[in-house]
Every structure is written in structure tokens, then in C-alpha cells.
C-alpha atoms as a PDB file:
ATOM      1  CA  MET A   1      18.814   6.607   6.140  1.00  0.00           C
ATOM      2  CA  PRO A   2      17.792   9.437   8.529  1.00  0.00           C
ATOM      3  CA  ASP A   3      20.749  11.645   9.622  1.00  0.00           C
ATOM      4  CA  ASN A   4      19.495  12.558  12.950  1.00  0.00           C
ATOM      5  CA  LEU A   5      17.870  10.744  15.984  1.00  0.00           C
ATOM      6  CA  SER A   6      14.609  12.647  15.848  1.00  0.00           C
ATOM      7  CA  GLU A   7      13.866  11.314  12.328  1.00  0.00           C
ATOM      8  CA  ARG A   8      14.484   7.594  13.224  1.00  0.00           C
ATOM      9  CA  PRO A   9      11.460   5.235  13.682  1.00  0.00           C
ATOM     10  CA  LEU A  10      11.720   4.124  17.121  1.00  0.00           C
ATOM     11  CA  THR A  11       9.683   2.679  19.981  1.00  0.00           C
ATOM     12  CA  GLY A  12      12.234   2.913  22.675  1.00  0.00           C
ATOM     13  CA  LEU A  13      12.383   5.427  25.374  1.00  0.00           C
ATOM     14  CA  TRP A  14      14.851   8.364  25.748  1.00  0.00           C
ATOM     15  CA  PHE A  15      17.243   8.598  28.599  1.00  0.00           C
ATOM     16  CA  GLU A  16      14.965  11.181  30.165  1.00  0.00           C
ATOM     17  CA  GLU A  17      11.894   8.958  30.191  1.00  0.00           C
ATOM     18  CA  LEU A  18      13.766   5.961  31.958  1.00  0.00           C
ATOM     19  CA  THR A  19      13.326   7.107  35.453  1.00  0.00           C
ATOM     20  CA  PRO A  20      14.124   4.846  38.501  1.00  0.00           C
ATOM     21  CA  GLY A  21      11.163   2.999  39.691  1.00  0.00           C
ATOM     22  CA  LEU A  22       9.574   2.842  36.249  1.00  0.00           C
ATOM     23  CA  VAL A  23       8.395  -0.829  35.641  1.00  0.00           C
ATOM     24  CA  ILE A  24       7.326  -1.900  32.016  1.00  0.00           C
ATOM     25  CA  HIS A  25       5.201  -5.022  31.531  1.00  0.00           C
ATOM     26  CA  HIS A  26       6.138  -5.974  28.032  1.00  0.00           C
ATOM     27  CA  ALA A  27       3.350  -6.806  25.553  1.00  0.00           C
ATOM     28  CA  ILE A  28       5.237  -9.374  23.637  1.00  0.00           C
ATOM     29  CA  ARG A  29       5.300 -12.971  25.008  1.00  0.00           C
ATOM     30  CA  ARG A  30       7.096 -15.885  23.644  1.00  0.00           C
ATOM     31  CA  THR A  31       6.480 -19.637  23.592  1.00  0.00           C
ATOM     32  CA  ILE A  32      10.023 -21.459  23.269  1.00  0.00           C
ATOM     33  CA  THR A  33       9.959 -24.521  21.066  1.00  0.00           C
ATOM     34  CA  GLU A  34      12.041 -27.502  20.902  1.00  0.00           C
ATOM     35  CA  ALA A  35      13.315 -26.261  17.533  1.00  0.00           C
ATOM     36  CA  ASP A  36      14.412 -22.921  19.115  1.00  0.00           C
ATOM     37  CA  ASN A  37      16.268 -24.754  21.883  1.00  0.00           C
ATOM     38  CA  VAL A  38      18.023 -27.290  19.372  1.00  0.00           C
ATOM     39  CA  ALA A  39      18.917 -24.433  16.931  1.00  0.00           C
ATOM     40  CA  PHE A  40      20.254 -22.069  19.582  1.00  0.00           C
ATOM     41  CA  THR A  41      22.314 -24.832  21.424  1.00  0.00           C
ATOM     42  CA  THR A  42      23.888 -26.124  18.308  1.00  0.00           C
ATOM     43  CA  MET A  43      24.543 -22.594  16.696  1.00  0.00           C
ATOM     44  CA  THR A  44      26.462 -21.784  20.119  1.00  0.00           C
ATOM     45  CA  MET A  45      28.489 -24.992  19.910  1.00  0.00           C
ATOM     46  CA  ASN A  46      27.046 -26.226  23.168  1.00  0.00           C
ATOM     47  CA  PRO A  47      27.003 -30.065  23.142  1.00  0.00           C
ATOM     48  CA  ALA A  48      25.564 -30.587  26.512  1.00  0.00           C
ATOM     49  CA  PRO A  49      23.322 -33.504  26.302  1.00  0.00           C
ATOM     50  CA  ILE A  50      20.928 -32.032  28.860  1.00  0.00           C
ATOM     51  CA  HIS A  51      19.687 -29.694  26.178  1.00  0.00           C
ATOM     52  CA  LEU A  52      19.967 -31.965  23.136  1.00  0.00           C
ATOM     53  CA  ASP A  53      19.359 -35.591  24.017  1.00  0.00           C
ATOM     54  CA  ALA A  54      15.754 -36.520  25.395  1.00  0.00           C
ATOM     55  CA  ASP A  55      16.827 -39.904  26.469  1.00  0.00           C
ATOM     56  CA  PHE A  56      19.757 -38.523  28.485  1.00  0.00           C
ATOM     57  CA  ALA A  57      17.607 -35.818  29.942  1.00  0.00           C
ATOM     58  CA  SER A  58      14.912 -38.284  30.977  1.00  0.00           C
ATOM     59  CA  SER A  59      17.373 -39.722  33.474  1.00  0.00           C
ATOM     60  CA  THR A  60      17.900 -36.338  35.060  1.00  0.00           C
ATOM     61  CA  GLU A  61      15.946 -34.782  37.956  1.00  0.00           C
ATOM     62  CA  PHE A  62      14.259 -32.656  35.244  1.00  0.00           C
ATOM     63  CA  GLY A  63      12.968 -35.693  33.108  1.00  0.00           C
ATOM     64  CA  LYS A  64      13.224 -33.821  29.863  1.00  0.00           C
ATOM     65  CA  PRO A  65      15.597 -31.417  27.944  1.00  0.00           C
ATOM     66  CA  LEU A  66      16.276 -28.085  29.455  1.00  0.00           C
ATOM     67  CA  VAL A  67      16.103 -24.852  27.372  1.00  0.00           C
ATOM     68  CA  ASN A  68      19.588 -23.543  27.091  1.00  0.00           C
ATOM     69  CA  SER A  69      19.821 -20.738  29.780  1.00  0.00           C
ATOM     70  CA  LEU A  70      21.575 -18.415  27.285  1.00  0.00           C
ATOM     71  CA  LEU A  71      18.527 -18.684  25.072  1.00  0.00           C
ATOM     72  CA  THR A  72      16.290 -17.757  27.982  1.00  0.00           C
ATOM     73  CA  LEU A  73      18.698 -14.683  28.824  1.00  0.00           C
ATOM     74  CA  GLY A  74      18.585 -13.596  25.100  1.00  0.00           C
ATOM     75  CA  LEU A  75      14.698 -13.794  25.029  1.00  0.00           C
ATOM     76  CA  THR A  76      14.388 -12.076  28.275  1.00  0.00           C
ATOM     77  CA  VAL A  77      16.430  -9.012  27.077  1.00  0.00           C
ATOM     78  CA  GLY A  78      15.201  -9.270  23.530  1.00  0.00           C
ATOM     79  CA  ILE A  79      11.588  -9.185  24.469  1.00  0.00           C
ATOM     80  CA  SER A  80      12.302  -5.886  26.338  1.00  0.00           C
ATOM     81  CA  VAL A  81      13.952  -3.988  23.423  1.00  0.00           C
ATOM     82  CA  HIS A  82      10.789  -2.921  21.716  1.00  0.00           C
ATOM     83  CA  GLU A  83       9.511  -0.923  24.580  1.00  0.00           C
ATOM     84  CA  THR A  84      12.640   0.150  26.236  1.00  0.00           C
ATOM     85  CA  THR A  85      15.702   0.675  23.956  1.00  0.00           C
ATOM     86  CA  MET A  86      14.682   0.212  20.174  1.00  0.00           C
ATOM     87  CA  GLY A  87      16.209   3.287  18.319  1.00  0.00           C
ATOM     88  CA  THR A  88      17.149   5.040  21.548  1.00  0.00           C
ATOM     89  CA  THR A  89      20.213   2.951  22.673  1.00  0.00           C
ATOM     90  CA  VAL A  90      23.970   3.641  22.052  1.00  0.00           C
ATOM     91  CA  ALA A  91      25.216   0.425  23.378  1.00  0.00           C
ATOM     92  CA  ASN A  92      24.809  -2.374  25.881  1.00  0.00           C
ATOM     93  CA  LEU A  93      27.501  -1.775  28.429  1.00  0.00           C
ATOM     94  CA  GLY A  94      27.360  -5.015  30.424  1.00  0.00           C
ATOM     95  CA  PHE A  95      25.616  -7.408  32.784  1.00  0.00           C
ATOM     96  CA  LYS A  96      26.054  -6.961  36.539  1.00  0.00           C
ATOM     97  CA  GLU A  97      24.127  -9.904  37.544  1.00  0.00           C
ATOM     98  CA  VAL A  98      22.204 -12.775  35.874  1.00  0.00           C
ATOM     99  CA  SER A  99      20.359 -15.557  37.738  1.00  0.00           C
ATOM    100  CA  PHE A 100      18.047 -18.358  36.756  1.00  0.00           C
ATOM    101  CA  GLY A 101      15.381 -19.114  39.276  1.00  0.00           C
ATOM    102  CA  ALA A 102      13.882 -22.249  37.681  1.00  0.00           C
ATOM    103  CA  PRO A 103      14.323 -24.470  34.539  1.00  0.00           C
ATOM    104  CA  VAL A 104      12.630 -23.631  31.140  1.00  0.00           C
ATOM    105  CA  PHE A 105      11.234 -26.396  29.051  1.00  0.00           C
ATOM    106  CA  ALA A 106      10.098 -26.438  25.387  1.00  0.00           C
ATOM    107  CA  GLY A 107       6.383 -25.429  25.403  1.00  0.00           C
ATOM    108  CA  ASP A 108       6.854 -22.900  28.184  1.00  0.00           C
ATOM    109  CA  THR A 109       5.667 -19.406  27.395  1.00  0.00           C
ATOM    110  CA  ILE A 110       7.557 -16.483  29.058  1.00  0.00           C
ATOM    111  CA  ARG A 111       6.567 -12.986  29.838  1.00  0.00           C
ATOM    112  CA  VAL A 112       9.005 -10.180  30.786  1.00  0.00           C
ATOM    113  CA  GLU A 113       8.830  -7.165  32.814  1.00  0.00           C
ATOM    114  CA  THR A 114      11.647  -4.302  33.053  1.00  0.00           C
ATOM    115  CA  GLU A 115      12.298  -2.193  36.051  1.00  0.00           C
ATOM    116  CA  VAL A 116      14.699   0.984  35.778  1.00  0.00           C
ATOM    117  CA  LEU A 117      16.873   0.682  38.798  1.00  0.00           C
ATOM    118  CA  ASP A 118      19.163   3.747  38.112  1.00  0.00           C
ATOM    119  CA  ALA A 119      19.667   6.350  35.540  1.00  0.00           C
ATOM    120  CA  ARG A 120      22.379   9.095  35.440  1.00  0.00           C
ATOM    121  CA  PRO A 121      23.696  11.491  32.934  1.00  0.00           C
ATOM    122  CA  SER A 122      26.967  10.288  31.183  1.00  0.00           C
ATOM    123  CA  ALA A 123      30.058  12.303  32.609  1.00  0.00           C
ATOM    124  CA  SER A 124      31.850  12.002  29.210  1.00  0.00           C
ATOM    125  CA  ARG A 125      28.819  12.237  26.716  1.00  0.00           C
ATOM    126  CA  PRO A 126      26.568  15.220  27.258  1.00  0.00           C
ATOM    127  CA  THR A 127      23.886  13.882  24.913  1.00  0.00           C
ATOM    128  CA  GLN A 128      23.776  10.478  26.537  1.00  0.00           C
ATOM    129  CA  GLY A 129      23.015   8.759  29.801  1.00  0.00           C
ATOM    130  CA  ILE A 130      23.593   5.522  31.614  1.00  0.00           C
ATOM    131  CA  VAL A 131      20.642   3.413  32.739  1.00  0.00           C
ATOM    132  CA  THR A 132      20.570   0.205  34.872  1.00  0.00           C
ATOM    133  CA  PHE A 133      17.720  -2.123  33.830  1.00  0.00           C
ATOM    134  CA  GLU A 134      16.372  -5.129  35.752  1.00  0.00           C
ATOM    135  CA  HIS A 135      14.716  -7.658  33.357  1.00  0.00           C
ATOM    136  CA  ARG A 136      12.543 -10.327  34.938  1.00  0.00           C
ATOM    137  CA  ALA A 137      11.188 -13.251  32.951  1.00  0.00           C
ATOM    138  CA  TYR A 138       8.292 -15.417  34.336  1.00  0.00           C
ATOM    139  CA  THR A 139       6.610 -18.547  32.713  1.00  0.00           C
ATOM    140  CA  VAL A 140       2.943 -17.725  31.934  1.00  0.00           C
ATOM    141  CA  GLY A 141       0.485 -19.851  33.980  1.00  0.00           C
ATOM    142  CA  SER A 142       2.756 -20.682  36.984  1.00  0.00           C
ATOM    143  CA  GLU A 143       4.287 -17.170  37.157  1.00  0.00           C
ATOM    144  CA  THR A 144       7.595 -18.749  38.114  1.00  0.00           C
ATOM    145  CA  LEU A 145      10.614 -16.360  37.983  1.00  0.00           C
ATOM    146  CA  VAL A 146      12.901 -18.093  35.480  1.00  0.00           C
ATOM    147  CA  CYS A 147      15.547 -15.372  34.707  1.00  0.00           C
ATOM    148  CA  ARG A 148      16.516 -12.107  36.424  1.00  0.00           C
ATOM    149  CA  ALA A 149      19.135 -10.025  34.557  1.00  0.00           C
ATOM    150  CA  VAL A 150      20.707  -6.600  35.767  1.00  0.00           C
ATOM    151  CA  ARG A 151      22.226  -4.727  32.790  1.00  0.00           C
ATOM    152  CA  THR A 152      23.426  -1.295  32.065  1.00  0.00           C
ATOM    153  CA  GLY A 153      22.871   0.497  28.827  1.00  0.00           C
ATOM    154  CA  LEU A 154      24.070   3.687  27.254  1.00  0.00           C
ATOM    155  CA  MET A 155      21.119   5.635  26.098  1.00  0.00           C
ATOM    156  CA  HIS A 156      20.560   8.692  23.951  1.00  0.00           C
ATOM    157  CA  CYS A 157      19.131  11.842  25.441  1.00  0.00           C
ATOM    158  CA  GLN A 158      16.038  13.162  23.669  1.00  0.00           C
ATOM    159  CA  PRO A 159      17.148  15.405  20.699  1.00  0.00           C
ATOM    160  CA  PRO A 160      16.253  19.079  20.913  1.00  0.00           C
ATOM    161  CA  GLN A 161      12.966  19.888  19.246  1.00  0.00           C
END
């Protein structure tokens, strides 16, 4: 295991590279399957029939099972990791805002973009900075905004060369 950050394999960006206004259109997309939804929903102990029971869901305004919104949120942030924080993050500090603009269904493909809203050096950690990200997920094809999440992360500063 490498003992310093400059030797770590990484694809994420250092604190200094995460400047407010930066928008990253992530290369990875993901089609959500029925199996994804059922596995996630049951693993997280959510028995809501709107996610698991096709007969029940057929009588709702949506007409079919909804993808669990926490799965949508997890994929939204997860898709962003490779190009934002992989190997350069210290910790996720929290979510300020999460909203779901439209339902997601099995078979939908989502794409994600991330915008850096704010970045400031940490007052207590001189080799780290605090970055506020806005992640936005859209369904491919209709380009409907299905998830928006504003989160804060503690990021490593670039090590001295």
C-alpha cells in the first residue's frame, strides 16, 4: 500500500482543481434494472409495495414499480466518484439538499453531471479543503432531471511535488 497520496492510483481531482463553476459531464451512464431495484430495496429493509409489487404499483398513478429514490441518489453520487473524488477525498461531510424531480423506472438510463458550487481551504486542516458539489441526474433520451443533490466533501490538497 502506498504511504503517501502522490503514489496512490487516482482519477479524482485535488482540492485546487475543484474550482467553483467547474461542470463535469460524467462519462459513465447506468441503466437501472428491475433486479437492481429489488435487491437494493430489500437489502435496505424497505417493504414499500410501490417498489416491489407490480400488481400494487399498476394501480398507482405511475402504473408500474418505482425505482427506490435512495438507489437513484446512490447512483447519482456514485457515478460522479471516478471523475471527482476517487483517491482524493478524505470524507463525505453531508448532504444539504436532495430532491427528486421525476420518477425513475426499471429500464431507465441515467447520466450525471456535477458542478462545483463552492470550495474553501479547511480552517483546521491545512492540507485539506471543503468542496460543495451539486450532482444532477437526468434520464437519457427525455433529459428529465430525476435527482439533484448538494453535498459537501472534505478533499485532499495536491501533495507537494
